[in-house]
Amino acid sequence: MIERRMTRRYSLSIPVTVHLPNNQEPGPFDEQTRGISIRSVYFTTQTDIVPGPVIDFTLTLPGEITRGTEVSVRAHGHVVRVDKRRDEDHETIGVAVVIKRYDIVRVEGTLI
């Protein structure tokens, strides 16, 4: 397989709150990331998502990662890939999102 990533990906499991377009699943819903880079995020969900839509999401970066206080990253991007996996108990859906825009916000709510 050819590596196509332009930036380094970090295997991080951090909280992500996802907001889908109005015509899809009502939201927001809370999930966990599996990987993140400056240009993309990959998270798992139980919600059926299709490739293509633009979504908004918020990541919470703990102080251990930021080497300071906890910060939130509000981001806007589009779904480029959906991986469905089934085990004996349930189906897990992996979602890859390319980030188009993001803002870093302190926990208190002010932009950095």
PDB file of N, CA and C in Angstrom:
ATOM      1  N   MET A   1       0.829  -1.167   0.000  1.00  0.00           N
ATOM      2  CA  MET A   1       0.000   0.000   0.000  1.00  0.00           C
ATOM      3  C   MET A   1       0.885   1.245   0.000  1.00  0.00           C
ATOM      4  N   ILE A   2       0.527   2.230  -0.786  1.00  0.00           N
ATOM      5  CA  ILE A   2       1.277   3.470  -0.876  1.00  0.00           C
ATOM      6  C   ILE A   2       0.794   4.440   0.188  1.00  0.00           C
ATOM      7  N   GLU A   3       1.730   5.001   0.939  1.00  0.00           N
ATOM      8  CA  GLU A   3       1.399   5.993   1.962  1.00  0.00           C
ATOM      9  C   GLU A   3       1.103   7.325   1.284  1.00  0.00           C
ATOM     10  N   ARG A   4      -0.123   7.870   1.519  1.00  0.00           N
ATOM     11  CA  ARG A   4      -0.525   9.119   0.871  1.00  0.00           C
ATOM     12  C   ARG A   4      -0.640  10.282   1.846  1.00  0.00           C
ATOM     13  N   ARG A   5      -0.404  10.037   3.108  1.00  0.00           N
ATOM     14  CA  ARG A   5      -0.529  11.120   4.092  1.00  0.00           C
ATOM     15  C   ARG A   5       0.580  12.148   3.892  1.00  0.00           C
ATOM     16  N   MET A   6       0.184  13.416   3.986  1.00  0.00           N
ATOM     17  CA  MET A   6       1.135  14.509   3.842  1.00  0.00           C
ATOM     18  C   MET A   6       1.660  14.982   5.201  1.00  0.00           C
ATOM     19  N   THR A   7       0.945  14.672   6.266  1.00  0.00           N
ATOM     20  CA  THR A   7       1.353  15.087   7.604  1.00  0.00           C
ATOM     21  C   THR A   7       1.351  13.881   8.530  1.00  0.00           C
ATOM     22  N   ARG A   8       2.036  14.008   9.639  1.00  0.00           N
ATOM     23  CA  ARG A   8       2.132  12.917  10.601  1.00  0.00           C
ATOM     24  C   ARG A   8       0.803  12.705  11.312  1.00  0.00           C
ATOM     25  N   ARG A   9       0.414  11.448  11.471  1.00  0.00           N
ATOM     26  CA  ARG A   9      -0.798  11.099  12.202  1.00  0.00           C
ATOM     27  C   ARG A   9      -0.402  10.561  13.572  1.00  0.00           C
ATOM     28  N   TYR A  10      -1.189  10.964  14.580  1.00  0.00           N
ATOM     29  CA  TYR A  10      -0.973  10.512  15.943  1.00  0.00           C
ATOM     30  C   TYR A  10      -2.128   9.607  16.346  1.00  0.00           C
ATOM     31  N   SER A  11      -1.808   8.464  16.905  1.00  0.00           N
ATOM     32  CA  SER A  11      -2.839   7.543  17.389  1.00  0.00           C
ATOM     33  C   SER A  11      -3.283   8.012  18.763  1.00  0.00           C
ATOM     34  N   LEU A  12      -4.370   8.781  18.778  1.00  0.00           N
ATOM     35  CA  LEU A  12      -4.887   9.341  20.023  1.00  0.00           C
ATOM     36  C   LEU A  12      -6.350   8.989  20.188  1.00  0.00           C
ATOM     37  N   SER A  13      -6.710   8.625  21.392  1.00  0.00           N
ATOM     38  CA  SER A  13      -8.105   8.399  21.720  1.00  0.00           C
ATOM     39  C   SER A  13      -8.547   9.543  22.625  1.00  0.00           C
ATOM     40  N   ILE A  14      -9.185  10.541  22.012  1.00  0.00           N
ATOM     41  CA  ILE A  14      -9.655  11.704  22.751  1.00  0.00           C
ATOM     42  C   ILE A  14     -11.115  11.952  22.398  1.00  0.00           C
ATOM     43  N   PRO A  15     -11.848  12.630  23.275  1.00  0.00           N
ATOM     44  CA  PRO A  15     -13.267  12.887  23.005  1.00  0.00           C
ATOM     45  C   PRO A  15     -13.472  13.788  21.793  1.00  0.00           C
ATOM     46  N   VAL A  16     -14.485  13.459  21.003  1.00  0.00           N
ATOM     47  CA  VAL A  16     -14.890  14.290  19.871  1.00  0.00           C
ATOM     48  C   VAL A  16     -16.415  14.348  19.852  1.00  0.00           C
ATOM     49  N   THR A  17     -16.950  15.559  19.724  1.00  0.00           N
ATOM     50  CA  THR A  17     -18.390  15.758  19.595  1.00  0.00           C
ATOM     51  C   THR A  17     -18.670  16.112  18.147  1.00  0.00           C
ATOM     52  N   VAL A  18     -19.549  15.340  17.506  1.00  0.00           N
ATOM     53  CA  VAL A  18     -19.797  15.472  16.071  1.00  0.00           C
ATOM     54  C   VAL A  18     -21.179  16.070  15.832  1.00  0.00           C
ATOM     55  N   HIS A  19     -21.242  17.028  14.917  1.00  0.00           N
ATOM     56  CA  HIS A  19     -22.485  17.664  14.480  1.00  0.00           C
ATOM     57  C   HIS A  19     -22.663  17.364  12.998  1.00  0.00           C
ATOM     58  N   LEU A  20     -23.675  16.567  12.661  1.00  0.00           N
ATOM     59  CA  LEU A  20     -23.945  16.231  11.264  1.00  0.00           C
ATOM     60  C   LEU A  20     -24.856  17.279  10.629  1.00  0.00           C
ATOM     61  N   PRO A  21     -24.911  17.310   9.292  1.00  0.00           N
ATOM     62  CA  PRO A  21     -25.847  18.226   8.632  1.00  0.00           C
ATOM     63  C   PRO A  21     -27.279  17.957   9.090  1.00  0.00           C
ATOM     64  N   ASN A  22     -28.135  18.953   8.972  1.00  0.00           N
ATOM     65  CA  ASN A  22     -29.520  18.862   9.453  1.00  0.00           C
ATOM     66  C   ASN A  22     -30.313  17.710   8.859  1.00  0.00           C
ATOM     67  N   ASN A  23     -30.010  17.302   7.634  1.00  0.00           N
ATOM     68  CA  ASN A  23     -30.793  16.245   6.991  1.00  0.00           C
ATOM     69  C   ASN A  23     -30.340  14.844   7.396  1.00  0.00           C
ATOM     70  N   GLN A  24     -29.347  14.736   8.261  1.00  0.00           N
ATOM     71  CA  GLN A  24     -28.893  13.424   8.724  1.00  0.00           C
ATOM     72  C   GLN A  24     -29.286  13.222  10.177  1.00  0.00           C
ATOM     73  N   GLU A  25     -28.656  12.268  10.804  1.00  0.00           N
ATOM     74  CA  GLU A  25     -28.911  11.902  12.203  1.00  0.00           C
ATOM     75  C   GLU A  25     -28.954  13.141  13.096  1.00  0.00           C
ATOM     76  N   PRO A  26     -29.945  13.236  13.984  1.00  0.00           N
ATOM     77  CA  PRO A  26     -29.940  14.372  14.915  1.00  0.00           C
ATOM     78  C   PRO A  26     -28.709  14.304  15.810  1.00  0.00           C
ATOM     79  N   GLY A  27     -28.188  15.399  16.157  1.00  0.00           N
ATOM     80  CA  GLY A  27     -26.956  15.404  16.938  1.00  0.00           C
ATOM     81  C   GLY A  27     -26.999  16.533  17.929  1.00  0.00           C
ATOM     82  N   PRO A  28     -25.932  16.815  18.552  1.00  0.00           N
ATOM     83  CA  PRO A  28     -24.626  16.194  18.341  1.00  0.00           C
ATOM     84  C   PRO A  28     -24.506  14.851  19.061  1.00  0.00           C
ATOM     85  N   PHE A  29     -23.458  14.109  18.717  1.00  0.00           N
ATOM     86  CA  PHE A  29     -23.192  12.866  19.425  1.00  0.00           C
ATOM     87  C   PHE A  29     -21.709  12.797  19.773  1.00  0.00           C
ATOM     88  N   ASP A  30     -21.415  12.120  20.881  1.00  0.00           N
ATOM     89  CA  ASP A  30     -20.050  12.047  21.403  1.00  0.00           C
ATOM     90  C   ASP A  30     -19.400  10.728  21.030  1.00  0.00           C
ATOM     91  N   GLU A  31     -18.159  10.821  20.555  1.00  0.00           N
ATOM     92  CA  GLU A  31     -17.392   9.654  20.127  1.00  0.00           C
ATOM     93  C   GLU A  31     -15.952   9.777  20.621  1.00  0.00           C
ATOM     94  N   GLN A  32     -15.077   8.895  20.159  1.00  0.00           N
ATOM     95  CA  GLN A  32     -13.653   8.914  20.481  1.00  0.00           C
ATOM     96  C   GLN A  32     -12.856   8.866  19.188  1.00  0.00           C
ATOM     97  N   THR A  33     -11.775   9.631  19.132  1.00  0.00           N
ATOM     98  CA  THR A  33     -10.891   9.563  17.969  1.00  0.00           C
ATOM     99  C   THR A  33     -10.023   8.310  18.067  1.00  0.00           C
ATOM    100  N   ARG A  34      -9.498   7.897  16.929  1.00  0.00           N
ATOM    101  CA  ARG A  34      -8.494   6.832  16.892  1.00  0.00           C
ATOM    102  C   ARG A  34      -7.195   7.360  16.318  1.00  0.00           C
ATOM    103  N   GLY A  35      -7.289   8.416  15.503  1.00  0.00           N
ATOM    104  CA  GLY A  35      -6.115   9.026  14.914  1.00  0.00           C
ATOM    105  C   GLY A  35      -6.404  10.465  14.568  1.00  0.00           C
ATOM    106  N   ILE A  36      -5.361  11.291  14.633  1.00  0.00           N
ATOM    107  CA  ILE A  36      -5.542  12.712  14.353  1.00  0.00           C
ATOM    108  C   ILE A  36      -4.259  13.270  13.759  1.00  0.00           C
ATOM    109  N   SER A  37      -4.402  14.213  12.829  1.00  0.00           N
ATOM    110  CA  SER A  37      -3.277  14.963  12.291  1.00  0.00           C
ATOM    111  C   SER A  37      -3.721  16.405  12.138  1.00  0.00           C
ATOM    112  N   ILE A  38      -2.848  17.252  11.651  1.00  0.00           N
ATOM    113  CA  ILE A  38      -3.192  18.657  11.475  1.00  0.00           C
ATOM    114  C   ILE A  38      -4.265  18.838  10.400  1.00  0.00           C
ATOM    115  N   ARG A  39      -4.403  17.880   9.484  1.00  0.00           N
ATOM    116  CA  ARG A  39      -5.344  17.993   8.371  1.00  0.00           C
ATOM    117  C   ARG A  39      -6.492  17.002   8.395  1.00  0.00           C
ATOM    118  N   SER A  40      -6.483  16.068   9.341  1.00  0.00           N
ATOM    119  CA  SER A  40      -7.534  15.049   9.322  1.00  0.00           C
ATOM    120  C   SER A  40      -7.768  14.463  10.703  1.00  0.00           C
ATOM    121  N   VAL A  41      -8.910  13.783  10.820  1.00  0.00           N
ATOM    122  CA  VAL A  41      -9.251  13.073  12.047  1.00  0.00           C
ATOM    123  C   VAL A  41      -9.972  11.786  11.653  1.00  0.00           C
ATOM    124  N   TYR A  42      -9.754  10.738  12.451  1.00  0.00           N
ATOM    125  CA  TYR A  42     -10.430   9.458  12.244  1.00  0.00           C
ATOM    126  C   TYR A  42     -11.072   9.091  13.563  1.00  0.00           C
ATOM    127  N   PHE A  43     -12.392   8.846  13.544  1.00  0.00           N
ATOM    128  CA  PHE A  43     -13.084   8.469  14.766  1.00  0.00           C
ATOM    129  C   PHE A  43     -14.005   7.291  14.489  1.00  0.00           C
ATOM    130  N   THR A  44     -14.400   6.606  15.557  1.00  0.00           N
ATOM    131  CA  THR A  44     -15.334   5.492  15.427  1.00  0.00           C
ATOM    132  C   THR A  44     -16.670   5.907  16.009  1.00  0.00           C
ATOM    133  N   THR A  45     -17.729   5.297  15.478  1.00  0.00           N
ATOM    134  CA  THR A  45     -19.077   5.661  15.876  1.00  0.00           C
ATOM    135  C   THR A  45     -20.009   4.474  15.680  1.00  0.00           C
ATOM    136  N   GLN A  46     -21.188   4.563  16.226  1.00  0.00           N
ATOM    137  CA  GLN A  46     -22.263   3.613  15.962  1.00  0.00           C
ATOM    138  C   GLN A  46     -23.293   4.238  15.019  1.00  0.00           C
ATOM    139  N   THR A  47     -23.108   5.522  14.723  1.00  0.00           N
ATOM    140  CA  THR A  47     -24.030   6.268  13.865  1.00  0.00           C
ATOM    141  C   THR A  47     -23.667   6.033  12.405  1.00  0.00           C
ATOM    142  N   ASP A  48     -24.665   5.744  11.584  1.00  0.00           N
ATOM    143  CA  ASP A  48     -24.432   5.498  10.165  1.00  0.00           C
ATOM    144  C   ASP A  48     -24.170   6.817   9.449  1.00  0.00           C
ATOM    145  N   ILE A  49     -22.964   6.974   8.946  1.00  0.00           N
ATOM    146  CA  ILE A  49     -22.540   8.176   8.222  1.00  0.00           C
ATOM    147  C   ILE A  49     -22.095   7.742   6.831  1.00  0.00           C
ATOM    148  N   VAL A  50     -22.370   8.562   5.848  1.00  0.00           N
ATOM    149  CA  VAL A  50     -21.945   8.264   4.475  1.00  0.00           C
ATOM    150  C   VAL A  50     -20.838   9.236   4.078  1.00  0.00           C
ATOM    151  N   PRO A  51     -19.968   8.844   3.135  1.00  0.00           N
ATOM    152  CA  PRO A  51     -18.945   9.774   2.658  1.00  0.00           C
ATOM    153  C   PRO A  51     -19.580  10.966   1.944  1.00  0.00           C
ATOM    154  N   GLY A  52     -18.920  12.118   2.053  1.00  0.00           N
ATOM    155  CA  GLY A  52     -19.352  13.288   1.316  1.00  0.00           C
ATOM    156  C   GLY A  52     -19.824  14.469   2.123  1.00  0.00           C
ATOM    157  N   PRO A  53     -20.634  14.289   3.187  1.00  0.00           N
ATOM    158  CA  PRO A  53     -21.174  15.479   3.837  1.00  0.00           C
ATOM    159  C   PRO A  53     -20.118  16.284   4.588  1.00  0.00           C
ATOM    160  N   VAL A  54     -20.415  17.562   4.732  1.00  0.00           N
ATOM    161  CA  VAL A  54     -19.611  18.446   5.565  1.00  0.00           C
ATOM    162  C   VAL A  54     -20.114  18.296   6.990  1.00  0.00           C
ATOM    163  N   ILE A  55     -19.184  18.166   7.946  1.00  0.00           N
ATOM    164  CA  ILE A  55     -19.562  18.045   9.348  1.00  0.00           C
ATOM    165  C   ILE A  55     -18.773  19.050  10.175  1.00  0.00           C
ATOM    166  N   ASP A  56     -19.303  19.367  11.325  1.00  0.00           N
ATOM    167  CA  ASP A  56     -18.601  20.167  12.315  1.00  0.00           C
ATOM    168  C   ASP A  56     -18.333  19.263  13.507  1.00  0.00           C
ATOM    169  N   PHE A  57     -17.196  19.452  14.154  1.00  0.00           N
ATOM    170  CA  PHE A  57     -16.887  18.639  15.328  1.00  0.00           C
ATOM    171  C   PHE A  57     -15.977  19.414  16.260  1.00  0.00           C
ATOM    172  N   THR A  58     -15.986  18.989  17.510  1.00  0.00           N
ATOM    173  CA  THR A  58     -15.155  19.610  18.537  1.00  0.00           C
ATOM    174  C   THR A  58     -14.332  18.532  19.215  1.00  0.00           C
ATOM    175  N   LEU A  59     -13.020  18.729  19.235  1.00  0.00           N
ATOM    176  CA  LEU A  59     -12.091  17.838  19.930  1.00  0.00           C
ATOM    177  C   LEU A  59     -11.693  18.482  21.245  1.00  0.00           C
ATOM    178  N   THR A  60     -11.536  17.688  22.276  1.00  0.00           N
ATOM    179  CA  THR A  60     -11.055  18.192  23.557  1.00  0.00           C
ATOM    180  C   THR A  60      -9.660  17.645  23.795  1.00  0.00           C
ATOM    181  N   LEU A  61      -8.669  18.528  23.771  1.00  0.00           N
ATOM    182  CA  LEU A  61      -7.279  18.121  23.987  1.00  0.00           C
ATOM    183  C   LEU A  61      -6.930  18.316  25.453  1.00  0.00           C
ATOM    184  N   PRO A  62      -6.571  17.227  26.159  1.00  0.00           N
ATOM    185  CA  PRO A  62      -6.248  17.351  27.587  1.00  0.00           C
ATOM    186  C   PRO A  62      -4.911  18.059  27.803  1.00  0.00           C
ATOM    187  N   GLY A  63      -4.714  18.552  29.009  1.00  0.00           N
ATOM    188  CA  GLY A  63      -3.491  19.253  29.367  1.00  0.00           C
ATOM    189  C   GLY A  63      -2.226  18.436  29.148  1.00  0.00           C
ATOM    190  N   GLU A  64      -2.311  17.115  29.240  1.00  0.00           N
ATOM    191  CA  GLU A  64      -1.139  16.260  29.015  1.00  0.00           C
ATOM    192  C   GLU A  64      -0.636  16.377  27.575  1.00  0.00           C
ATOM    193  N   ILE A  65      -1.542  16.614  26.653  1.00  0.00           N
ATOM    194  CA  ILE A  65      -1.162  16.747  25.246  1.00  0.00           C
ATOM    195  C   ILE A  65      -0.692  18.162  24.935  1.00  0.00           C
ATOM    196  N   THR A  66      -1.397  19.166  25.473  1.00  0.00           N
ATOM    197  CA  THR A  66      -1.074  20.563  25.176  1.00  0.00           C
ATOM    198  C   THR A  66       0.057  21.106  26.043  1.00  0.00           C
ATOM    199  N   ARG A  67       0.445  20.329  27.060  1.00  0.00           N
ATOM    200  CA  ARG A  67       1.469  20.739  28.028  1.00  0.00           C
ATOM    201  C   ARG A  67       1.071  22.030  28.740  1.00  0.00           C
ATOM    202  N   GLY A  68      -0.192  22.093  29.048  1.00  0.00           N
ATOM    203  CA  GLY A  68      -0.736  23.261  29.734  1.00  0.00           C
ATOM    204  C   GLY A  68      -2.157  22.982  30.135  1.00  0.00           C
ATOM    205  N   THR A  69      -3.049  23.887  29.763  1.00  0.00           N
ATOM    206  CA  THR A  69      -4.447  23.710  30.100  1.00  0.00           C
ATOM    207  C   THR A  69      -5.182  22.974  28.977  1.00  0.00           C
ATOM    208  N   GLU A  70      -6.316  22.416  29.336  1.00  0.00           N
ATOM    209  CA  GLU A  70      -7.171  21.731  28.364  1.00  0.00           C
ATOM    210  C   GLU A  70      -7.693  22.746  27.344  1.00  0.00           C
ATOM    211  N   VAL A  71      -7.695  22.360  26.069  1.00  0.00           N
ATOM    212  CA  VAL A  71      -8.239  23.232  25.022  1.00  0.00           C
ATOM    213  C   VAL A  71      -9.207  22.439  24.153  1.00  0.00           C
ATOM    214  N   SER A  72     -10.100  23.168  23.521  1.00  0.00           N
ATOM    215  CA  SER A  72     -11.021  22.569  22.563  1.00  0.00           C
ATOM    216  C   SER A  72     -10.645  23.049  21.174  1.00  0.00           C
ATOM    217  N   VAL A  73     -10.817  22.178  20.202  1.00  0.00           N
ATOM    218  CA  VAL A  73     -10.586  22.521  18.812  1.00  0.00           C
ATOM    219  C   VAL A  73     -11.913  22.353  18.087  1.00  0.00           C
ATOM    220  N   ARG A  74     -12.467  23.461  17.609  1.00  0.00           N
ATOM    221  CA  ARG A  74     -13.690  23.416  16.814  1.00  0.00           C
ATOM    222  C   ARG A  74     -13.277  23.332  15.356  1.00  0.00           C
ATOM    223  N   ALA A  75     -13.777  22.313  14.654  1.00  0.00           N
ATOM    224  CA  ALA A  75     -13.326  22.078  13.289  1.00  0.00           C
ATOM    225  C   ALA A  75     -14.498  21.859  12.339  1.00  0.00           C
ATOM    226  N   HIS A  76     -14.198  22.060  11.064  1.00  0.00           N
ATOM    227  CA  HIS A  76     -15.174  21.940   9.982  1.00  0.00           C
ATOM    228  C   HIS A  76     -14.464  21.162   8.876  1.00  0.00           C
ATOM    229  N   GLY A  77     -15.081  20.099   8.387  1.00  0.00           N
ATOM    230  CA  GLY A  77     -14.445  19.304   7.342  1.00  0.00           C
ATOM    231  C   GLY A  77     -15.456  18.428   6.645  1.00  0.00           C
ATOM    232  N   HIS A  78     -14.960  17.575   5.743  1.00  0.00           N
ATOM    233  CA  HIS A  78     -15.909  16.682   5.074  1.00  0.00           C
ATOM    234  C   HIS A  78     -15.446  15.233   5.170  1.00  0.00           C
ATOM    235  N   VAL A  79     -16.439  14.356   5.202  1.00  0.00           N
ATOM    236  CA  VAL A  79     -16.209  12.922   5.349  1.00  0.00           C
ATOM    237  C   VAL A  79     -15.681  12.376   4.020  1.00  0.00           C
ATOM    238  N   VAL A  80     -14.490  11.769   4.061  1.00  0.00           N
ATOM    239  CA  VAL A  80     -13.899  11.236   2.832  1.00  0.00           C
ATOM    240  C   VAL A  80     -13.929   9.710   2.765  1.00  0.00           C
ATOM    241  N   ARG A  81     -14.083   9.063   3.933  1.00  0.00           N
ATOM    242  CA  ARG A  81     -14.087   7.592   3.937  1.00  0.00           C
ATOM    243  C   ARG A  81     -14.869   7.083   5.133  1.00  0.00           C
ATOM    244  N   VAL A  82     -15.576   5.979   4.917  1.00  0.00           N
ATOM    245  CA  VAL A  82     -16.312   5.309   5.986  1.00  0.00           C
ATOM    246  C   VAL A  82     -15.955   3.834   5.925  1.00  0.00           C
ATOM    247  N   ASP A  83     -15.464   3.278   7.033  1.00  0.00           N
ATOM    248  CA  ASP A  83     -15.099   1.864   7.131  1.00  0.00           C
ATOM    249  C   ASP A  83     -16.068   1.173   8.075  1.00  0.00           C
ATOM    250  N   LYS A  84     -16.795   0.183   7.578  1.00  0.00           N
ATOM    251  CA  LYS A  84     -17.731  -0.556   8.436  1.00  0.00           C
ATOM    252  C   LYS A  84     -17.131  -1.917   8.772  1.00  0.00           C
ATOM    253  N   ARG A  85     -17.109  -2.209  10.075  1.00  0.00           N
ATOM    254  CA  ARG A  85     -16.594  -3.493  10.557  1.00  0.00           C
ATOM    255  C   ARG A  85     -17.620  -4.110  11.487  1.00  0.00           C
ATOM    256  N   ARG A  86     -17.811  -5.383  11.357  1.00  0.00           N
ATOM    257  CA  ARG A  86     -18.791  -6.082  12.185  1.00  0.00           C
ATOM    258  C   ARG A  86     -18.076  -7.145  12.998  1.00  0.00           C
ATOM    259  N   ASP A  87     -18.335  -7.138  14.310  1.00  0.00           N
ATOM    260  CA  ASP A  87     -17.881  -8.258  15.142  1.00  0.00           C
ATOM    261  C   ASP A  87     -19.128  -8.971  15.636  1.00  0.00           C
ATOM    262  N   GLU A  88     -18.978  -9.905  16.552  1.00  0.00           N
ATOM    263  CA  GLU A  88     -20.136 -10.703  16.969  1.00  0.00           C
ATOM    264  C   GLU A  88     -21.189  -9.904  17.726  1.00  0.00           C
ATOM    265  N   ASP A  89     -20.812  -8.784  18.339  1.00  0.00           N
ATOM    266  CA  ASP A  89     -21.764  -8.003  19.125  1.00  0.00           C
ATOM    267  C   ASP A  89     -22.402  -6.834  18.382  1.00  0.00           C
ATOM    268  N   HIS A  90     -21.623  -6.114  17.590  1.00  0.00           N
ATOM    269  CA  HIS A  90     -22.145  -4.915  16.946  1.00  0.00           C
ATOM    270  C   HIS A  90     -21.270  -4.477  15.769  1.00  0.00           C
ATOM    271  N   GLU A  91     -21.779  -3.515  15.041  1.00  0.00           N
ATOM    272  CA  GLU A  91     -21.035  -2.946  13.931  1.00  0.00           C
ATOM    273  C   GLU A  91     -20.348  -1.666  14.405  1.00  0.00           C
ATOM    274  N   THR A  92     -19.090  -1.512  14.021  1.00  0.00           N
ATOM    275  CA  THR A  92     -18.345  -0.293  14.315  1.00  0.00           C
ATOM    276  C   THR A  92     -18.091   0.417  12.998  1.00  0.00           C
ATOM    277  N   ILE A  93     -18.304   1.712  12.989  1.00  0.00           N
ATOM    278  CA  ILE A  93     -18.115   2.504  11.790  1.00  0.00           C
ATOM    279  C   ILE A  93     -16.956   3.466  12.035  1.00  0.00           C
ATOM    280  N   GLY A  94     -15.920   3.366  11.206  1.00  0.00           N
ATOM    281  CA  GLY A  94     -14.787   4.282  11.267  1.00  0.00           C
ATOM    282  C   GLY A  94     -14.994   5.383  10.241  1.00  0.00           C
ATOM    283  N   VAL A  95     -14.758   6.623  10.641  1.00  0.00           N
ATOM    284  CA  VAL A  95     -15.023   7.771   9.777  1.00  0.00           C
ATOM    285  C   VAL A  95     -13.756   8.610   9.649  1.00  0.00           C
ATOM    286  N   ALA A  96     -13.314   8.837   8.403  1.00  0.00           N
ATOM    287  CA  ALA A  96     -12.160   9.695   8.124  1.00  0.00           C
ATOM    288  C   ALA A  96     -12.662  11.031   7.606  1.00  0.00           C
ATOM    289  N   VAL A  97     -12.183  12.106   8.225  1.00  0.00           N
ATOM    290  CA  VAL A  97     -12.623  13.457   7.881  1.00  0.00           C
ATOM    291  C   VAL A  97     -11.405  14.313   7.538  1.00  0.00           C
ATOM    292  N   VAL A  98     -11.458  15.008   6.406  1.00  0.00           N
ATOM    293  CA  VAL A  98     -10.435  15.985   6.051  1.00  0.00           C
ATOM    294  C   VAL A  98     -10.863  17.322   6.648  1.00  0.00           C
ATOM    295  N   ILE A  99      -9.976  17.926   7.416  1.00  0.00           N
ATOM    296  CA  ILE A  99     -10.277  19.188   8.076  1.00  0.00           C
ATOM    297  C   ILE A  99     -10.048  20.342   7.108  1.00  0.00           C
ATOM    298  N   LYS A 100     -11.063  21.180   6.958  1.00  0.00           N
ATOM    299  CA  LYS A 100     -10.974  22.356   6.089  1.00  0.00           C
ATOM    300  C   LYS A 100     -10.660  23.627   6.877  1.00  0.00           C
ATOM    301  N   ARG A 101     -11.158  23.697   8.114  1.00  0.00           N
ATOM    302  CA  ARG A 101     -10.961  24.886   8.936  1.00  0.00           C
ATOM    303  C   ARG A 101     -11.069  24.477  10.406  1.00  0.00           C
ATOM    304  N   TYR A 102     -10.290  25.131  11.279  1.00  0.00           N
ATOM    305  CA  TYR A 102     -10.431  24.879  12.707  1.00  0.00           C
ATOM    306  C   TYR A 102     -10.056  26.110  13.520  1.00  0.00           C
ATOM    307  N   ASP A 103     -10.620  26.189  14.717  1.00  0.00           N
ATOM    308  CA  ASP A 103     -10.322  27.237  15.685  1.00  0.00           C
ATOM    309  C   ASP A 103      -9.960  26.558  16.996  1.00  0.00           C
ATOM    310  N   ILE A 104      -8.923  27.070  17.649  1.00  0.00           N
ATOM    311  CA  ILE A 104      -8.527  26.553  18.953  1.00  0.00           C
ATOM    312  C   ILE A 104      -9.156  27.453  20.007  1.00  0.00           C
ATOM    313  N   VAL A 105      -9.841  26.832  20.978  1.00  0.00           N
ATOM    314  CA  VAL A 105     -10.603  27.566  21.978  1.00  0.00           C
ATOM    315  C   VAL A 105     -10.179  27.108  23.370  1.00  0.00           C
ATOM    316  N   ARG A 106      -9.940  28.069  24.244  1.00  0.00           N
ATOM    317  CA  ARG A 106      -9.669  27.718  25.643  1.00  0.00           C
ATOM    318  C   ARG A 106     -10.919  27.128  26.250  1.00  0.00           C
ATOM    319  N   VAL A 107     -10.778  26.387  27.320  1.00  0.00           N
ATOM    320  CA  VAL A 107     -11.916  25.776  27.986  1.00  0.00           C
ATOM    321  C   VAL A 107     -12.955  26.821  28.384  1.00  0.00           C
ATOM    322  N   GLU A 108     -12.511  28.019  28.743  1.00  0.00           N
ATOM    323  CA  GLU A 108     -13.420  29.085  29.133  1.00  0.00           C
ATOM    324  C   GLU A 108     -14.241  29.593  27.948  1.00  0.00           C
ATOM    325  N   GLY A 109     -13.861  29.239  26.705  1.00  0.00           N
ATOM    326  CA  GLY A 109     -14.632  29.631  25.537  1.00  0.00           C
ATOM    327  C   GLY A 109     -14.030  30.743  24.694  1.00  0.00           C
ATOM    328  N   THR A 110     -12.858  31.257  25.038  1.00  0.00           N
ATOM    329  CA  THR A 110     -12.253  32.317  24.231  1.00  0.00           C
ATOM    330  C   THR A 110     -11.314  31.731  23.201  1.00  0.00           C
ATOM    331  N   LEU A 111     -11.287  32.331  22.010  1.00  0.00           N
ATOM    332  CA  LEU A 111     -10.383  31.883  20.955  1.00  0.00           C
ATOM    333  C   LEU A 111      -8.950  32.194  21.326  1.00  0.00           C
ATOM    334  N   ILE A 112      -8.068  31.299  20.935  1.00  0.00           N
ATOM    335  CA  ILE A 112      -6.635  31.511  21.174  1.00  0.00           C
ATOM    336  C   ILE A 112      -6.024  32.105  19.925  1.00  0.00           C
TER     337      ILE A 112
END
